[in-house]
C-alpha atoms as a PDB file:
ATOM      1  CA  UNK A   1    -187.036  62.346 -26.123  1.00  0.00           C
ATOM      2  CA  UNK A   2    -190.557  61.163 -25.292  1.00  0.00           C
ATOM      3  CA  UNK A   3    -189.973  58.074 -27.448  1.00  0.00           C
ATOM      4  CA  UNK A   4    -186.786  57.166 -25.606  1.00  0.00           C
ATOM      5  CA  UNK A   5    -188.640  57.647 -22.325  1.00  0.00           C
ATOM      6  CA  UNK A   6    -191.381  55.321 -23.593  1.00  0.00           C
ATOM      7  CA  UNK A   7    -188.836  52.663 -24.485  1.00  0.00           C
ATOM      8  CA  UNK A   8    -187.143  52.989 -21.108  1.00  0.00           C
ATOM      9  CA  UNK A   9    -190.465  52.786 -19.270  1.00  0.00           C
ATOM     10  CA  UNK A  10    -191.372  49.700 -21.296  1.00  0.00           C
ATOM     11  CA  UNK A  11    -188.085  48.080 -20.354  1.00  0.00           C
ATOM     12  CA  UNK A  12    -188.662  48.724 -16.669  1.00  0.00           C
ATOM     13  CA  UNK A  13    -192.277  47.591 -16.858  1.00  0.00           C
ATOM     14  CA  UNK A  14    -191.128  44.296 -18.374  1.00  0.00           C
ATOM     15  CA  UNK A  15    -188.685  43.625 -15.554  1.00  0.00           C
ATOM     16  CA  UNK A  16    -190.074  42.809 -12.145  1.00  0.00           C
ATOM     17  CA  UNK A  17    -186.635  41.808 -10.899  1.00  0.00           C
ATOM     18  CA  UNK A  18    -183.056  42.833 -11.627  1.00  0.00           C
ATOM     19  CA  UNK A  19    -182.276  42.406 -15.290  1.00  0.00           C
ATOM     20  CA  UNK A  20    -179.527  43.041 -17.750  1.00  0.00           C
ATOM     21  CA  UNK A  21    -181.357  43.780 -20.989  1.00  0.00           C
ATOM     22  CA  UNK A  22    -179.781  42.336 -24.130  1.00  0.00           C
ATOM     23  CA  UNK A  23    -179.404  44.628 -27.134  1.00  0.00           C
ATOM     24  CA  UNK A  24    -177.925  43.966 -30.574  1.00  0.00           C
ATOM     25  CA  UNK A  25    -176.555  46.163 -33.323  1.00  0.00           C
ATOM     26  CA  UNK A  26    -174.852  45.559 -36.655  1.00  0.00           C
ATOM     27  CA  UNK A  27    -172.342  48.367 -36.099  1.00  0.00           C
ATOM     28  CA  UNK A  28    -169.015  48.175 -34.201  1.00  0.00           C
ATOM     29  CA  UNK A  29    -169.042  48.849 -30.462  1.00  0.00           C
ATOM     30  CA  UNK A  30    -167.435  52.267 -30.968  1.00  0.00           C
ATOM     31  CA  UNK A  31    -170.097  53.429 -33.468  1.00  0.00           C
ATOM     32  CA  UNK A  32    -172.109  56.461 -32.199  1.00  0.00           C
ATOM     33  CA  UNK A  33    -175.498  54.728 -32.022  1.00  0.00           C
ATOM     34  CA  UNK A  34    -174.020  51.698 -30.270  1.00  0.00           C
ATOM     35  CA  UNK A  35    -172.283  54.002 -27.808  1.00  0.00           C
ATOM     36  CA  UNK A  36    -175.633  55.759 -27.253  1.00  0.00           C
ATOM     37  CA  UNK A  37    -177.350  52.477 -26.307  1.00  0.00           C
ATOM     38  CA  UNK A  38    -174.426  51.698 -23.994  1.00  0.00           C
ATOM     39  CA  UNK A  39    -174.795  55.137 -22.423  1.00  0.00           C
ATOM     40  CA  UNK A  40    -178.514  54.557 -21.982  1.00  0.00           C
ATOM     41  CA  UNK A  41    -177.603  51.307 -20.205  1.00  0.00           C
ATOM     42  CA  UNK A  42    -175.222  53.204 -17.938  1.00  0.00           C
ATOM     43  CA  UNK A  43    -177.949  55.721 -17.049  1.00  0.00           C
ATOM     44  CA  UNK A  44    -180.466  52.950 -16.411  1.00  0.00           C
ATOM     45  CA  UNK A  45    -177.958  51.191 -14.155  1.00  0.00           C
ATOM     46  CA  UNK A  46    -177.214  54.388 -12.233  1.00  0.00           C
ATOM     47  CA  UNK A  47    -180.879  55.317 -11.850  1.00  0.00           C
ATOM     48  CA  UNK A  48    -181.959  51.825 -10.837  1.00  0.00           C
ATOM     49  CA  UNK A  49    -179.217  51.427  -8.260  1.00  0.00           C
ATOM     50  CA  UNK A  50    -177.534  48.781 -10.397  1.00  0.00           C
ATOM     51  CA  UNK A  51    -180.666  46.605 -10.637  1.00  0.00           C
ATOM     52  CA  UNK A  52    -180.970  47.033 -14.394  1.00  0.00           C
ATOM     53  CA  UNK A  53    -178.579  47.608 -17.273  1.00  0.00           C
ATOM     54  CA  UNK A  54    -178.050  46.910 -20.948  1.00  0.00           C
ATOM     55  CA  UNK A  55    -175.529  44.488 -22.468  1.00  0.00           C
ATOM     56  CA  UNK A  56    -174.820  45.579 -26.045  1.00  0.00           C
ATOM     57  CA  UNK A  57    -173.753  43.043 -28.671  1.00  0.00           C
ATOM     58  CA  UNK A  58    -172.278  44.912 -31.632  1.00  0.00           C
ATOM     59  CA  UNK A  59    -170.481  43.976 -34.852  1.00  0.00           C
ATOM     60  CA  UNK A  60    -173.406  41.806 -36.040  1.00  0.00           C
ATOM     61  CA  UNK A  61    -172.311  39.072 -33.621  1.00  0.00           C
ATOM     62  CA  UNK A  62    -175.956  38.070 -33.200  1.00  0.00           C
ATOM     63  CA  UNK A  63    -176.756  38.338 -36.913  1.00  0.00           C
ATOM     64  CA  UNK A  64    -178.210  40.804 -39.371  1.00  0.00           C
ATOM     65  CA  UNK A  65    -180.912  43.318 -38.517  1.00  0.00           C
ATOM     66  CA  UNK A  66    -183.504  40.882 -39.879  1.00  0.00           C
ATOM     67  CA  UNK A  67    -182.062  38.138 -37.647  1.00  0.00           C
ATOM     68  CA  UNK A  68    -182.176  40.353 -34.560  1.00  0.00           C
ATOM     69  CA  UNK A  69    -185.792  41.342 -35.265  1.00  0.00           C
ATOM     70  CA  UNK A  70    -186.674  37.657 -35.098  1.00  0.00           C
ATOM     71  CA  UNK A  71    -184.673  37.271 -31.879  1.00  0.00           C
ATOM     72  CA  UNK A  72    -186.670  40.075 -30.271  1.00  0.00           C
ATOM     73  CA  UNK A  73    -189.901  38.459 -31.437  1.00  0.00           C
ATOM     74  CA  UNK A  74    -189.047  35.182 -29.680  1.00  0.00           C
ATOM     75  CA  UNK A  75    -187.605  36.850 -26.571  1.00  0.00           C
ATOM     76  CA  UNK A  76    -183.936  36.004 -27.123  1.00  0.00           C
ATOM     77  CA  UNK A  77    -183.161  39.747 -27.223  1.00  0.00           C
ATOM     78  CA  UNK A  78    -184.816  42.537 -25.272  1.00  0.00           C
ATOM     79  CA  UNK A  79    -184.139  45.398 -27.654  1.00  0.00           C
ATOM     80  CA  UNK A  80    -182.391  46.308 -30.895  1.00  0.00           C
ATOM     81  CA  UNK A  81    -181.191  49.467 -32.539  1.00  0.00           C
ATOM     82  CA  UNK A  82    -181.840  49.026 -36.245  1.00  0.00           C
ATOM     83  CA  UNK A  83    -182.512  50.933 -39.408  1.00  0.00           C
ATOM     84  CA  UNK A  84    -186.270  51.207 -39.887  1.00  0.00           C
ATOM     85  CA  UNK A  85    -186.274  49.508 -43.332  1.00  0.00           C
ATOM     86  CA  UNK A  86    -186.037  45.913 -42.017  1.00  0.00           C
ATOM     87  CA  UNK A  87    -189.219  46.600 -40.005  1.00  0.00           C
ATOM     88  CA  UNK A  88    -191.232  47.279 -43.189  1.00  0.00           C
ATOM     89  CA  UNK A  89    -192.288  43.626 -43.509  1.00  0.00           C
ATOM     90  CA  UNK A  90    -193.234  43.385 -39.836  1.00  0.00           C
ATOM     91  CA  UNK A  91    -195.038  46.752 -39.515  1.00  0.00           C
ATOM     92  CA  UNK A  92    -195.918  48.178 -42.954  1.00  0.00           C
ATOM     93  CA  UNK A  93    -196.487  51.672 -41.496  1.00  0.00           C
ATOM     94  CA  UNK A  94    -192.727  51.931 -40.975  1.00  0.00           C
ATOM     95  CA  UNK A  95    -192.415  52.355 -44.745  1.00  0.00           C
ATOM     96  CA  UNK A  96    -193.380  56.027 -44.397  1.00  0.00           C
ATOM     97  CA  UNK A  97    -189.984  57.273 -43.123  1.00  0.00           C
ATOM     98  CA  UNK A  98    -188.124  55.104 -45.655  1.00  0.00           C
ATOM     99  CA  UNK A  99    -189.809  56.593 -48.728  1.00  0.00           C
ATOM    100  CA  UNK A 100    -187.421  58.660 -50.844  1.00  0.00           C
ATOM    101  CA  UNK A 101    -187.854  62.434 -50.865  1.00  0.00           C
ATOM    102  CA  UNK A 102    -190.709  62.451 -48.355  1.00  0.00           C
ATOM    103  CA  UNK A 103    -189.045  65.023 -46.120  1.00  0.00           C
ATOM    104  CA  UNK A 104    -187.881  68.505 -47.164  1.00  0.00           C
ATOM    105  CA  UNK A 105    -185.307  68.731 -44.378  1.00  0.00           C
ATOM    106  CA  UNK A 106    -184.219  67.212 -41.113  1.00  0.00           C
ATOM    107  CA  UNK A 107    -186.424  69.713 -39.273  1.00  0.00           C
ATOM    108  CA  UNK A 108    -189.415  68.672 -41.411  1.00  0.00           C
ATOM    109  CA  UNK A 109    -188.701  65.005 -40.734  1.00  0.00           C
ATOM    110  CA  UNK A 110    -188.546  65.590 -36.979  1.00  0.00           C
ATOM    111  CA  UNK A 111    -191.757  67.629 -37.030  1.00  0.00           C
ATOM    112  CA  UNK A 112    -193.589  64.875 -38.912  1.00  0.00           C
ATOM    113  CA  UNK A 113    -192.234  61.960 -36.877  1.00  0.00           C
ATOM    114  CA  UNK A 114    -192.764  63.728 -33.549  1.00  0.00           C
ATOM    115  CA  UNK A 115    -196.365  64.519 -34.508  1.00  0.00           C
ATOM    116  CA  UNK A 116    -199.524  62.582 -35.344  1.00  0.00           C
ATOM    117  CA  UNK A 117    -197.890  60.575 -38.161  1.00  0.00           C
ATOM    118  CA  UNK A 118    -195.144  59.385 -35.836  1.00  0.00           C
ATOM    119  CA  UNK A 119    -197.806  58.543 -33.260  1.00  0.00           C
ATOM    120  CA  UNK A 120    -199.630  56.415 -35.854  1.00  0.00           C
ATOM    121  CA  UNK A 121    -196.410  54.571 -36.680  1.00  0.00           C
ATOM    122  CA  UNK A 122    -195.862  53.914 -32.964  1.00  0.00           C
ATOM    123  CA  UNK A 123    -199.444  52.663 -32.567  1.00  0.00           C
ATOM    124  CA  UNK A 124    -198.902  50.256 -35.464  1.00  0.00           C
ATOM    125  CA  UNK A 125    -195.711  48.994 -33.815  1.00  0.00           C
ATOM    126  CA  UNK A 126    -197.505  48.562 -30.495  1.00  0.00           C
ATOM    127  CA  UNK A 127    -200.228  46.496 -32.191  1.00  0.00           C
ATOM    128  CA  UNK A 128    -197.460  44.084 -33.176  1.00  0.00           C
ATOM    129  CA  UNK A 129    -196.101  44.190 -29.602  1.00  0.00           C
ATOM    130  CA  UNK A 130    -193.174  46.399 -30.668  1.00  0.00           C
ATOM    131  CA  UNK A 131    -191.937  49.542 -28.976  1.00  0.00           C
ATOM    132  CA  UNK A 132    -190.220  51.714 -31.512  1.00  0.00           C
ATOM    133  CA  UNK A 133    -188.773  55.115 -32.106  1.00  0.00           C
ATOM    134  CA  UNK A 134    -189.399  56.358 -35.659  1.00  0.00           C
ATOM    135  CA  UNK A 135    -186.446  58.739 -35.554  1.00  0.00           C
ATOM    136  CA  UNK A 136    -183.374  58.501 -37.736  1.00  0.00           C
ATOM    137  CA  UNK A 137    -179.800  57.806 -36.790  1.00  0.00           C
ATOM    138  CA  UNK A 138    -177.612  60.666 -35.595  1.00  0.00           C
ATOM    139  CA  UNK A 139    -180.139  63.277 -36.718  1.00  0.00           C
ATOM    140  CA  UNK A 140    -179.650  62.458 -40.403  1.00  0.00           C
ATOM    141  CA  UNK A 141    -182.667  62.177 -42.640  1.00  0.00           C
ATOM    142  CA  UNK A 142    -181.829  59.754 -45.451  1.00  0.00           C
ATOM    143  CA  UNK A 143    -185.029  60.641 -47.306  1.00  0.00           C
ATOM    144  CA  UNK A 144    -184.616  64.408 -47.505  1.00  0.00           C
ATOM    145  CA  UNK A 145    -184.723  66.409 -50.742  1.00  0.00           C
END
């Protein structure tokens, strides 16, 4: 939760005036993670009195995850919800959660990524001017034993 709060704070800090943040995803609009970003946009809109919100572009309409990373880098998009693997070339520290069999369980993964190792990954992302959440989609740990 603290990571989501950090992302939300960063979004608000970046906007000095009313803004509809642009977000992209490769999944369909009814996919759980896309719905979650839409819900976050709804909460932001409610809590900002309608000053801010999030427009979600799903179904890869703005390109692949690699394409959307580049769009964030040049400011064409404000945020993206992606798998961490495409970030490996941008921030090498993001390779840690993508290594096979690193985590014993989902609980182990969460403990590691919510601790000092996750903090180091976030610091590496921040050095590249990225705000990131090193958690996995829908609570699944693809690299568990």
